[in-house]
Amino acid sequence: MTDEQTVPLDLLDRSTIRRRARNVGIVALVIGSALGGIVGLFAGPTGFFATAAIVAAPLLLLAYSESRKTYWLDGSRVAARAFGTRVVDLARADKLDVLITDVRGARTVGLLAAGPPKGKALNVALAMYAGAGGKELGVYSLRRLADALASTGDTRALVLSELLVAQLRSEARGDSAAERPLYRLATMAQPGRMAQKIRSEDVARFVAAMD
């Protein structure tokens, strides 16, 4: 595939991603230093540095990974890159689900895909909502992703394609965020759960009810 055929699927811009990653890094250092200080009272400097490193290192690694993460669509393949690259071919996917995550009052609607060529899984964020507003994947990216799903001929993919098309039509009409399909789908998730999948049959009923 050429660069012209590659479609970015990043919900957030790079500056926002880097800022969030930096905040995670700062929190990691603060928590690591605080716990290290407590242990250091009893175990001395060695205990301080060992505890700080054990606590902070995984979070710092996560922050660095998030700062590098990017998603794109290449034909029927969706890909994510951080340290390495994960690729899932939508035309051969074993799993195609809607995943709703709820973190600090912000609900993110994602496309969870898993399968060939290497049996990997990845979650592409389609929209993020907090209160009555939020951020959604760009029109061009949504359109191309809908086309890629529709071209597979898979029933699950066709339902998801129709969902994205309905989202695009809603945006074209000028509907508010709360009136758009992805927002309404996000409200279907049960409160108090960090992440949950919306069953394929529930998504199909939701899409059918929009007609």
C-alpha atoms as a PDB file:
ATOM      1  CA  MET A   1       0.000   0.000   0.000  1.00  0.00           C
ATOM      2  CA  THR A   2       1.106   3.559  -0.641  1.00  0.00           C
ATOM      3  CA  ASP A   3       1.064   6.380   1.870  1.00  0.00           C
ATOM      4  CA  GLU A   4      -1.937   7.859   0.026  1.00  0.00           C
ATOM      5  CA  GLN A   5      -3.937   4.742   0.880  1.00  0.00           C
ATOM      6  CA  THR A   6      -3.005   4.825   4.565  1.00  0.00           C
ATOM      7  CA  VAL A   7      -5.644   6.494   6.737  1.00  0.00           C
ATOM      8  CA  PRO A   8      -4.805   7.743  10.255  1.00  0.00           C
ATOM      9  CA  LEU A   9      -7.112   6.472  13.005  1.00  0.00           C
ATOM     10  CA  ASP A  10      -5.813   8.497  15.948  1.00  0.00           C
ATOM     11  CA  LEU A  11      -8.664   9.973  17.980  1.00  0.00           C
ATOM     12  CA  LEU A  12      -6.431  12.417  19.863  1.00  0.00           C
ATOM     13  CA  ASP A  13      -3.817  14.711  18.331  1.00  0.00           C
ATOM     14  CA  ARG A  14      -0.154  14.117  19.099  1.00  0.00           C
ATOM     15  CA  SER A  15       0.197  17.063  21.478  1.00  0.00           C
ATOM     16  CA  THR A  16      -2.698  15.791  23.611  1.00  0.00           C
ATOM     17  CA  ILE A  17      -1.270  12.269  23.640  1.00  0.00           C
ATOM     18  CA  ARG A  18       2.152  13.525  24.708  1.00  0.00           C
ATOM     19  CA  ARG A  19       0.641  15.721  27.416  1.00  0.00           C
ATOM     20  CA  ARG A  20      -1.329  12.806  28.841  1.00  0.00           C
ATOM     21  CA  ALA A  21       1.733  10.582  28.725  1.00  0.00           C
ATOM     22  CA  ARG A  22       3.770  13.267  30.502  1.00  0.00           C
ATOM     23  CA  ASN A  23       1.138  13.496  33.244  1.00  0.00           C
ATOM     24  CA  VAL A  24       1.274   9.717  33.730  1.00  0.00           C
ATOM     25  CA  GLY A  25       5.055   9.951  33.969  1.00  0.00           C
ATOM     26  CA  ILE A  26       4.854  12.670  36.609  1.00  0.00           C
ATOM     27  CA  VAL A  27       2.364  10.640  38.647  1.00  0.00           C
ATOM     28  CA  ALA A  28       4.666   7.618  38.382  1.00  0.00           C
ATOM     29  CA  LEU A  29       7.599   9.587  39.761  1.00  0.00           C
ATOM     30  CA  VAL A  30       5.541  11.085  42.585  1.00  0.00           C
ATOM     31  CA  ILE A  31       4.100   7.719  43.669  1.00  0.00           C
ATOM     32  CA  GLY A  32       7.449   5.971  43.333  1.00  0.00           C
ATOM     33  CA  SER A  33       9.220   8.648  45.370  1.00  0.00           C
ATOM     34  CA  ALA A  34       6.526   8.664  48.064  1.00  0.00           C
ATOM     35  CA  LEU A  35       6.575   4.906  48.570  1.00  0.00           C
ATOM     36  CA  GLY A  36      10.328   4.861  48.265  1.00  0.00           C
ATOM     37  CA  GLY A  37      10.541   7.488  50.993  1.00  0.00           C
ATOM     38  CA  ILE A  38       8.447   5.362  53.341  1.00  0.00           C
ATOM     39  CA  VAL A  39      10.565   2.260  52.720  1.00  0.00           C
ATOM     40  CA  GLY A  40      13.713   4.358  52.924  1.00  0.00           C
ATOM     41  CA  LEU A  41      12.912   5.279  56.512  1.00  0.00           C
ATOM     42  CA  PHE A  42      13.561   1.653  57.437  1.00  0.00           C
ATOM     43  CA  ALA A  43      15.852   0.376  54.697  1.00  0.00           C
ATOM     44  CA  GLY A  44      17.921   3.463  53.955  1.00  0.00           C
ATOM     45  CA  PRO A  45      18.849   4.852  50.505  1.00  0.00           C
ATOM     46  CA  THR A  46      19.002   1.385  48.936  1.00  0.00           C
ATOM     47  CA  GLY A  47      15.415   0.702  49.953  1.00  0.00           C
ATOM     48  CA  PHE A  48      14.326   4.112  48.678  1.00  0.00           C
ATOM     49  CA  PHE A  49      15.815   3.723  45.211  1.00  0.00           C
ATOM     50  CA  ALA A  50      14.806   0.070  44.847  1.00  0.00           C
ATOM     51  CA  THR A  51      11.177   0.761  45.806  1.00  0.00           C
ATOM     52  CA  ALA A  52      10.958   3.902  43.681  1.00  0.00           C
ATOM     53  CA  ALA A  53      12.284   2.029  40.654  1.00  0.00           C
ATOM     54  CA  ILE A  54       9.985  -0.986  41.119  1.00  0.00           C
ATOM     55  CA  VAL A  55       6.884   1.213  41.475  1.00  0.00           C
ATOM     56  CA  ALA A  56       7.677   3.889  38.910  1.00  0.00           C
ATOM     57  CA  ALA A  57       9.263   1.818  36.127  1.00  0.00           C
ATOM     58  CA  PRO A  58       6.094   0.077  34.851  1.00  0.00           C
ATOM     59  CA  LEU A  59       4.138   3.356  34.807  1.00  0.00           C
ATOM     60  CA  LEU A  60       6.974   5.192  33.080  1.00  0.00           C
ATOM     61  CA  LEU A  61       7.127   2.415  30.490  1.00  0.00           C
ATOM     62  CA  LEU A  62       3.368   2.736  29.991  1.00  0.00           C
ATOM     63  CA  ALA A  63       3.659   6.510  29.603  1.00  0.00           C
ATOM     64  CA  TYR A  64       6.408   6.144  27.014  1.00  0.00           C
ATOM     65  CA  SER A  65       4.391   3.541  25.131  1.00  0.00           C
ATOM     66  CA  GLU A  66       1.311   5.774  25.074  1.00  0.00           C
ATOM     67  CA  SER A  67       3.342   8.734  23.811  1.00  0.00           C
ATOM     68  CA  ARG A  68       4.423   6.668  20.791  1.00  0.00           C
ATOM     69  CA  LYS A  69       1.149   4.880  20.058  1.00  0.00           C
ATOM     70  CA  THR A  70      -0.510   5.574  16.731  1.00  0.00           C
ATOM     71  CA  TYR A  71      -3.236   3.823  14.719  1.00  0.00           C
ATOM     72  CA  TRP A  72      -3.929   3.632  11.004  1.00  0.00           C
ATOM     73  CA  LEU A  73      -5.945   1.818   8.347  1.00  0.00           C
ATOM     74  CA  ASP A  74      -4.269   0.293   5.307  1.00  0.00           C
ATOM     75  CA  GLY A  75      -6.776  -1.325   2.987  1.00  0.00           C
ATOM     76  CA  SER A  76      -8.659  -3.833   5.144  1.00  0.00           C
ATOM     77  CA  ARG A  77      -5.944  -3.871   7.806  1.00  0.00           C
ATOM     78  CA  VAL A  78      -5.955  -1.832  10.981  1.00  0.00           C
ATOM     79  CA  ALA A  79      -2.638  -1.365  12.745  1.00  0.00           C
ATOM     80  CA  ALA A  80      -1.285   0.058  15.994  1.00  0.00           C
ATOM     81  CA  ARG A  81       2.327   0.943  16.718  1.00  0.00           C
ATOM     82  CA  ALA A  82       4.023   1.687  20.035  1.00  0.00           C
ATOM     83  CA  PHE A  83       7.200  -0.352  20.656  1.00  0.00           C
ATOM     84  CA  GLY A  84       6.221  -2.796  17.913  1.00  0.00           C
ATOM     85  CA  THR A  85       3.407  -2.956  15.376  1.00  0.00           C
ATOM     86  CA  ARG A  86       0.201  -4.971  15.745  1.00  0.00           C
ATOM     87  CA  VAL A  87      -1.944  -5.624  12.681  1.00  0.00           C
ATOM     88  CA  VAL A  88      -5.410  -7.135  12.319  1.00  0.00           C
ATOM     89  CA  ASP A  89      -6.982  -7.846   8.947  1.00  0.00           C
ATOM     90  CA  LEU A  90     -10.660  -6.889   9.247  1.00  0.00           C
ATOM     91  CA  ALA A  91     -11.518  -9.227   6.374  1.00  0.00           C
ATOM     92  CA  ARG A  92     -10.289 -12.220   8.420  1.00  0.00           C
ATOM     93  CA  ALA A  93     -10.909 -11.011  11.977  1.00  0.00           C
ATOM     94  CA  ASP A  94     -11.964 -13.582  14.573  1.00  0.00           C
ATOM     95  CA  LYS A  95     -13.469 -10.909  16.808  1.00  0.00           C
ATOM     96  CA  LEU A  96     -15.171  -7.620  15.970  1.00  0.00           C
ATOM     97  CA  ASP A  97     -16.785  -5.982  18.965  1.00  0.00           C
ATOM     98  CA  VAL A  98     -17.672  -2.592  20.381  1.00  0.00           C
ATOM     99  CA  LEU A  99     -15.755  -1.903  23.585  1.00  0.00           C
ATOM    100  CA  ILE A 100     -16.848   0.818  26.008  1.00  0.00           C
ATOM    101  CA  THR A 101     -14.322   2.024  28.574  1.00  0.00           C
ATOM    102  CA  ASP A 102     -15.202   4.353  31.438  1.00  0.00           C
ATOM    103  CA  VAL A 103     -12.297   6.186  33.055  1.00  0.00           C
ATOM    104  CA  ARG A 104     -12.792   9.174  35.357  1.00  0.00           C
ATOM    105  CA  GLY A 105     -16.178  10.015  33.869  1.00  0.00           C
ATOM    106  CA  ALA A 106     -15.046   9.847  30.241  1.00  0.00           C
ATOM    107  CA  ARG A 107     -16.517   7.048  28.134  1.00  0.00           C
ATOM    108  CA  THR A 108     -14.608   5.872  25.083  1.00  0.00           C
ATOM    109  CA  VAL A 109     -16.262   3.872  22.304  1.00  0.00           C
ATOM    110  CA  GLY A 110     -13.798   1.598  20.552  1.00  0.00           C
ATOM    111  CA  LEU A 111     -13.659  -1.004  17.808  1.00  0.00           C
ATOM    112  CA  LEU A 112     -12.052  -4.121  19.288  1.00  0.00           C
ATOM    113  CA  ALA A 113     -10.614  -6.341  16.561  1.00  0.00           C
ATOM    114  CA  ALA A 114      -8.592  -9.538  16.879  1.00  0.00           C
ATOM    115  CA  GLY A 115      -7.330 -12.196  14.515  1.00  0.00           C
ATOM    116  CA  PRO A 116      -4.968 -12.814  11.577  1.00  0.00           C
ATOM    117  CA  PRO A 117      -2.334 -12.356  10.413  1.00  0.00           C
ATOM    118  CA  LYS A 118      -0.694 -12.971  13.828  1.00  0.00           C
ATOM    119  CA  GLY A 119      -3.630 -13.420  16.189  1.00  0.00           C
ATOM    120  CA  LYS A 120      -3.162  -9.996  17.758  1.00  0.00           C
ATOM    121  CA  ALA A 121      -5.868  -7.746  19.228  1.00  0.00           C
ATOM    122  CA  LEU A 122      -6.192  -3.991  19.171  1.00  0.00           C
ATOM    123  CA  ASN A 123      -8.773  -1.408  20.180  1.00  0.00           C
ATOM    124  CA  VAL A 124      -9.343   1.591  17.905  1.00  0.00           C
ATOM    125  CA  ALA A 125     -10.976   4.515  19.709  1.00  0.00           C
ATOM    126  CA  LEU A 126     -13.886   5.896  17.672  1.00  0.00           C
ATOM    127  CA  ALA A 127     -15.167   8.548  20.086  1.00  0.00           C
ATOM    128  CA  MET A 128     -14.691   9.816  23.623  1.00  0.00           C
ATOM    129  CA  TYR A 129     -17.490  11.512  25.550  1.00  0.00           C
ATOM    130  CA  ALA A 130     -17.616  13.357  28.853  1.00  0.00           C
ATOM    131  CA  GLY A 131     -20.865  14.973  29.898  1.00  0.00           C
ATOM    132  CA  ALA A 132     -22.744  16.342  26.889  1.00  0.00           C
ATOM    133  CA  GLY A 133     -19.687  16.725  24.663  1.00  0.00           C
ATOM    134  CA  GLY A 134     -16.611  14.903  23.511  1.00  0.00           C
ATOM    135  CA  LYS A 135     -14.301  14.099  20.618  1.00  0.00           C
ATOM    136  CA  GLU A 136     -14.940  11.839  17.638  1.00  0.00           C
ATOM    137  CA  LEU A 137     -12.767  10.318  14.952  1.00  0.00           C
ATOM    138  CA  GLY A 138     -12.620  12.501  11.845  1.00  0.00           C
ATOM    139  CA  VAL A 139     -15.188  12.178   9.058  1.00  0.00           C
ATOM    140  CA  TYR A 140     -12.721  10.893   6.473  1.00  0.00           C
ATOM    141  CA  SER A 141     -11.280   8.279   8.845  1.00  0.00           C
ATOM    142  CA  LEU A 142     -14.753   7.078   9.873  1.00  0.00           C
ATOM    143  CA  ARG A 143     -15.859   6.885   6.236  1.00  0.00           C
ATOM    144  CA  ARG A 144     -12.861   4.822   5.169  1.00  0.00           C
ATOM    145  CA  LEU A 145     -13.179   2.549   8.191  1.00  0.00           C
ATOM    146  CA  ALA A 146     -16.876   2.015   7.421  1.00  0.00           C
ATOM    147  CA  ASP A 147     -15.998   1.154   3.809  1.00  0.00           C
ATOM    148  CA  ALA A 148     -13.304  -1.296   4.939  1.00  0.00           C
ATOM    149  CA  LEU A 149     -15.752  -3.052   7.259  1.00  0.00           C
ATOM    150  CA  ALA A 150     -18.470  -3.196   4.610  1.00  0.00           C
ATOM    151  CA  SER A 151     -16.109  -4.695   2.038  1.00  0.00           C
ATOM    152  CA  THR A 152     -15.418  -7.757   4.220  1.00  0.00           C
ATOM    153  CA  GLY A 153     -18.895  -9.239   3.735  1.00  0.00           C
ATOM    154  CA  ASP A 154     -18.895 -10.372   7.379  1.00  0.00           C
ATOM    155  CA  THR A 155     -22.254  -9.853   9.119  1.00  0.00           C
ATOM    156  CA  ARG A 156     -20.642  -8.401  12.259  1.00  0.00           C
ATOM    157  CA  ALA A 157     -18.547  -6.031  10.172  1.00  0.00           C
ATOM    158  CA  LEU A 158     -21.578  -4.923   8.142  1.00  0.00           C
ATOM    159  CA  VAL A 159     -23.431  -4.001  11.334  1.00  0.00           C
ATOM    160  CA  LEU A 160     -20.466  -1.965  12.555  1.00  0.00           C
ATOM    161  CA  SER A 161     -20.186  -0.308   9.148  1.00  0.00           C
ATOM    162  CA  GLU A 162     -23.855   0.706   9.336  1.00  0.00           C
ATOM    163  CA  LEU A 163     -23.233   2.118  12.805  1.00  0.00           C
ATOM    164  CA  LEU A 164     -20.405   4.307  11.518  1.00  0.00           C
ATOM    165  CA  VAL A 165     -22.453   5.433   8.518  1.00  0.00           C
ATOM    166  CA  ALA A 166     -25.286   6.412  10.867  1.00  0.00           C
ATOM    167  CA  GLN A 167     -22.760   8.384  12.917  1.00  0.00           C
ATOM    168  CA  LEU A 168     -21.589  10.222   9.804  1.00  0.00           C
ATOM    169  CA  ARG A 169     -25.149  11.043   8.767  1.00  0.00           C
ATOM    170  CA  SER A 170     -25.931  12.334  12.238  1.00  0.00           C
ATOM    171  CA  GLU A 171     -22.898  14.588  12.155  1.00  0.00           C
ATOM    172  CA  ALA A 172     -23.829  15.823   8.664  1.00  0.00           C
ATOM    173  CA  ARG A 173     -27.293  16.775   9.968  1.00  0.00           C
ATOM    174  CA  GLY A 174     -25.666  18.818  12.688  1.00  0.00           C
ATOM    175  CA  ASP A 175     -27.006  16.702  15.554  1.00  0.00           C
ATOM    176  CA  SER A 176     -25.613  17.429  18.991  1.00  0.00           C
ATOM    177  CA  ALA A 177     -23.172  14.940  20.493  1.00  0.00           C
ATOM    178  CA  ALA A 178     -25.897  13.474  22.713  1.00  0.00           C
ATOM    179  CA  GLU A 179     -28.027  12.686  19.639  1.00  0.00           C
ATOM    180  CA  ARG A 180     -25.341  10.817  17.744  1.00  0.00           C
ATOM    181  CA  PRO A 181     -25.277   6.994  17.574  1.00  0.00           C
ATOM    182  CA  LEU A 182     -21.870   6.494  19.195  1.00  0.00           C
ATOM    183  CA  TYR A 183     -22.861   8.668  22.161  1.00  0.00           C
ATOM    184  CA  ARG A 184     -26.143   6.812  22.550  1.00  0.00           C
ATOM    185  CA  LEU A 185     -24.324   3.492  22.317  1.00  0.00           C
ATOM    186  CA  ALA A 186     -21.902   4.612  25.027  1.00  0.00           C
ATOM    187  CA  THR A 187     -24.829   5.169  27.381  1.00  0.00           C
ATOM    188  CA  MET A 188     -25.731   1.476  27.026  1.00  0.00           C
ATOM    189  CA  ALA A 189     -22.688   0.504  29.074  1.00  0.00           C
ATOM    190  CA  GLN A 190     -23.393  -0.324  32.693  1.00  0.00           C
ATOM    191  CA  PRO A 191     -22.001   2.215  35.188  1.00  0.00           C
ATOM    192  CA  GLY A 192     -19.221   1.232  37.541  1.00  0.00           C
ATOM    193  CA  ARG A 193     -17.355  -0.975  35.075  1.00  0.00           C
ATOM    194  CA  MET A 194     -14.053   0.193  33.604  1.00  0.00           C
ATOM    195  CA  ALA A 195     -14.406  -1.783  30.368  1.00  0.00           C
ATOM    196  CA  GLN A 196     -17.181  -3.831  28.839  1.00  0.00           C
ATOM    197  CA  LYS A 197     -18.070  -5.234  25.446  1.00  0.00           C
ATOM    198  CA  ILE A 198     -21.422  -4.562  23.822  1.00  0.00           C
ATOM    199  CA  ARG A 199     -22.664  -7.862  22.419  1.00  0.00           C
ATOM    200  CA  SER A 200     -22.926  -8.095  18.627  1.00  0.00           C
ATOM    201  CA  GLU A 201     -26.635  -8.821  18.803  1.00  0.00           C
ATOM    202  CA  ASP A 202     -27.182  -5.754  20.996  1.00  0.00           C
ATOM    203  CA  VAL A 203     -25.297  -3.584  18.515  1.00  0.00           C
ATOM    204  CA  ALA A 204     -27.366  -5.076  15.666  1.00  0.00           C
ATOM    205  CA  ARG A 205     -30.631  -4.303  17.491  1.00  0.00           C
ATOM    206  CA  PHE A 206     -29.393  -0.792  18.208  1.00  0.00           C
ATOM    207  CA  VAL A 207     -28.551  -0.180  14.545  1.00  0.00           C
ATOM    208  CA  ALA A 208     -31.865  -1.661  13.378  1.00  0.00           C
ATOM    209  CA  ALA A 209     -33.763   0.624  15.763  1.00  0.00           C
ATOM    210  CA  MET A 210     -32.177   3.673  14.124  1.00  0.00           C
ATOM    211  CA  ASP A 211     -33.884   2.956  10.780  1.00  0.00           C
END
